[in-house]
């Protein structure tokens, strides 16, 4: 069985899972990342800023904070892109193998409740329908 990597399953309320679209997950992530420079400025202003600026200089302090922020943003963006593209790549590989007639190991484990999870469920239904039609065609051929 091929497994779709988890994307954050929805929020549970009274036993009901609420689906959170990928767009809103990305929006919340980007807003969180946008707060990083403000948080870093708060840390610098709460501490002894005179020694930091005196040691590095104002321009170098700004440069260091900018580079730290950019590195965190790049790492987070890579993580988000990977968490979205990996399941889609797996679905693509399985779709290619099915199109070539290989129905072995084509069941996909659905571990998310977002758009990618819905795509995996629909793909599983498609494969099951294809198996039934293939079995019926083989039975009629006999």
Protein backbone atom coordinates (compact mmCIF):
# COMPACT_ATOMS: atom_id res chain seq x y z
CA UNK A 1 0.00 0.00 0.00
CA UNK A 2 1.21 3.46 -0.83
CA UNK A 3 0.70 6.06 1.86
CA UNK A 4 -0.12 9.72 1.35
CA UNK A 5 1.89 11.74 3.83
CA UNK A 6 -0.23 13.57 6.39
CA UNK A 7 -1.07 17.18 5.77
CA UNK A 8 -2.74 18.20 9.06
CA UNK A 9 -6.03 16.46 9.41
CA UNK A 10 -8.91 18.81 10.18
CA UNK A 11 -9.92 20.12 13.60
CA UNK A 12 -12.04 17.78 15.73
CA UNK A 13 -15.23 19.23 17.27
CA UNK A 14 -17.73 16.87 18.90
CA UNK A 15 -16.39 13.93 16.89
CA UNK A 16 -16.82 15.75 13.55
CA UNK A 17 -13.76 16.53 11.49
CA UNK A 18 -13.74 19.97 9.92
CA UNK A 19 -11.89 20.11 6.62
CA UNK A 20 -9.29 22.87 6.41
CA UNK A 21 -8.35 23.66 2.80
CA UNK A 22 -4.66 23.85 1.89
CA UNK A 23 -5.06 27.53 0.94
CA UNK A 24 -5.96 28.47 4.52
CA UNK A 25 -3.14 26.35 5.93
CA UNK A 26 -0.69 28.18 3.69
CA UNK A 27 -2.20 31.55 4.58
CA UNK A 28 -1.86 30.88 8.32
CA UNK A 29 1.72 29.69 7.80
CA UNK A 30 2.70 32.78 5.83
CA UNK A 31 1.12 35.10 8.40
CA UNK A 32 3.05 33.30 11.13
CA UNK A 33 6.27 33.74 9.20
CA UNK A 34 5.50 37.43 8.64
CA UNK A 35 5.49 37.89 12.42
CA UNK A 36 9.09 36.61 12.78
CA UNK A 37 10.78 39.98 12.08
CA UNK A 38 8.48 41.70 14.58
CA UNK A 39 9.28 39.01 17.16
CA UNK A 40 13.01 39.39 16.53
CA UNK A 41 12.82 43.17 16.86
CA UNK A 42 10.97 42.67 20.16
CA UNK A 43 13.73 40.41 21.45
CA UNK A 44 16.41 42.90 20.44
CA UNK A 45 14.55 45.84 21.96
CA UNK A 46 13.84 43.93 25.21
CA UNK A 47 17.50 43.08 25.64
CA UNK A 48 20.52 45.28 25.83
CA UNK A 49 20.34 46.69 22.31
CA UNK A 50 23.24 49.01 22.88
CA UNK A 51 25.70 46.15 23.15
CA UNK A 52 24.30 44.30 20.09
CA UNK A 53 24.32 47.39 17.92
CA UNK A 54 27.66 48.52 19.33
CA UNK A 55 29.19 45.12 18.60
CA UNK A 56 27.78 44.62 15.10
CA UNK A 57 26.79 48.10 14.07
CA UNK A 58 23.28 49.13 13.05
CA UNK A 59 23.57 48.07 9.42
CA UNK A 60 25.10 44.70 10.28
CA UNK A 61 22.43 44.09 12.95
CA UNK A 62 19.70 44.71 10.38
CA UNK A 63 21.52 42.48 7.89
CA UNK A 64 21.82 39.62 10.41
CA UNK A 65 18.13 39.85 11.36
CA UNK A 66 17.15 39.92 7.68
CA UNK A 67 19.29 36.87 6.87
CA UNK A 68 17.89 34.94 9.85
CA UNK A 69 14.34 35.80 8.81
CA UNK A 70 14.98 34.81 5.19
CA UNK A 71 16.54 31.51 6.21
CA UNK A 72 13.53 30.63 8.37
CA UNK A 73 11.16 31.62 5.55
CA UNK A 74 13.09 29.52 3.01
CA UNK A 75 13.13 26.44 5.27
CA UNK A 76 9.41 26.77 6.04
CA UNK A 77 8.55 27.29 2.36
CA UNK A 78 10.53 24.19 1.43
CA UNK A 79 8.68 22.18 4.09
CA UNK A 80 5.27 23.39 2.89
CA UNK A 81 6.06 22.74 -0.76
CA UNK A 82 7.35 19.26 0.04
CA UNK A 83 4.30 18.40 2.15
CA UNK A 84 2.03 19.34 -0.76
CA UNK A 85 3.98 17.92 -3.70
CA UNK A 86 5.04 14.56 -2.21
CA UNK A 87 1.49 13.11 -2.07
CA UNK A 88 0.74 14.41 -5.55
CA UNK A 89 3.93 12.82 -6.90
CA UNK A 90 2.93 9.50 -5.32
CA UNK A 91 -0.52 9.71 -6.89
CA UNK A 92 1.10 10.45 -10.23
CA UNK A 93 3.38 7.40 -10.00
CA UNK A 94 0.47 5.13 -9.14
CA UNK A 95 -1.67 6.61 -11.93
CA UNK A 96 1.15 5.91 -14.38
CA UNK A 97 1.45 2.29 -13.23
CA UNK A 98 -2.33 1.83 -13.47
CA UNK A 99 -2.37 3.30 -16.96
CA UNK A 100 0.14 0.63 -17.94
CA UNK A 101 -2.17 -2.09 -16.59
CA UNK A 102 -0.43 -2.77 -13.28
CA UNK A 103 -3.14 -3.01 -10.62
CA UNK A 104 -0.93 -4.52 -7.92
CA UNK A 105 -0.25 -2.27 -4.92
CA UNK A 106 -2.46 0.57 -6.14
CA UNK A 107 -4.52 1.18 -3.00
CA UNK A 108 -3.64 4.53 -1.45
CA UNK A 109 -3.88 5.09 2.30
CA UNK A 110 -5.66 8.37 2.95
CA UNK A 111 -4.19 10.19 5.94
CA UNK A 112 -5.40 13.73 5.35
CA UNK A 113 -8.78 15.41 5.19
CA UNK A 114 -7.96 18.19 2.77
CA UNK A 115 -8.07 18.47 -1.01
CA UNK A 116 -5.24 15.96 -1.46
CA UNK A 117 -7.05 13.48 0.80
CA UNK A 118 -10.20 13.92 -1.29
CA UNK A 119 -8.16 13.29 -4.42
CA UNK A 120 -6.77 10.08 -2.91
CA UNK A 121 -10.27 8.88 -1.97
CA UNK A 122 -11.55 9.61 -5.48
CA UNK A 123 -8.55 7.82 -6.97
CA UNK A 124 -9.20 4.76 -4.79
CA UNK A 125 -12.81 4.72 -6.01
CA UNK A 126 -11.59 4.95 -9.59
CA UNK A 127 -9.20 2.03 -9.11
CA UNK A 128 -11.92 -0.10 -7.49
CA UNK A 129 -14.28 0.62 -10.39
CA UNK A 130 -11.52 -0.24 -12.84
CA UNK A 131 -10.85 -3.53 -11.03
CA UNK A 132 -14.55 -4.45 -11.19
CA UNK A 133 -14.74 -3.62 -14.89
CA UNK A 134 -11.53 -5.54 -15.55
CA UNK A 135 -12.88 -8.59 -13.69
CA UNK A 136 -16.18 -8.42 -15.60
CA UNK A 137 -14.36 -8.12 -18.91
CA UNK A 138 -12.22 -11.18 -18.09
CA UNK A 139 -15.33 -13.15 -17.05
CA UNK A 140 -17.10 -12.25 -20.32
CA UNK A 141 -14.02 -13.29 -22.29
CA UNK A 142 -14.11 -16.78 -20.84
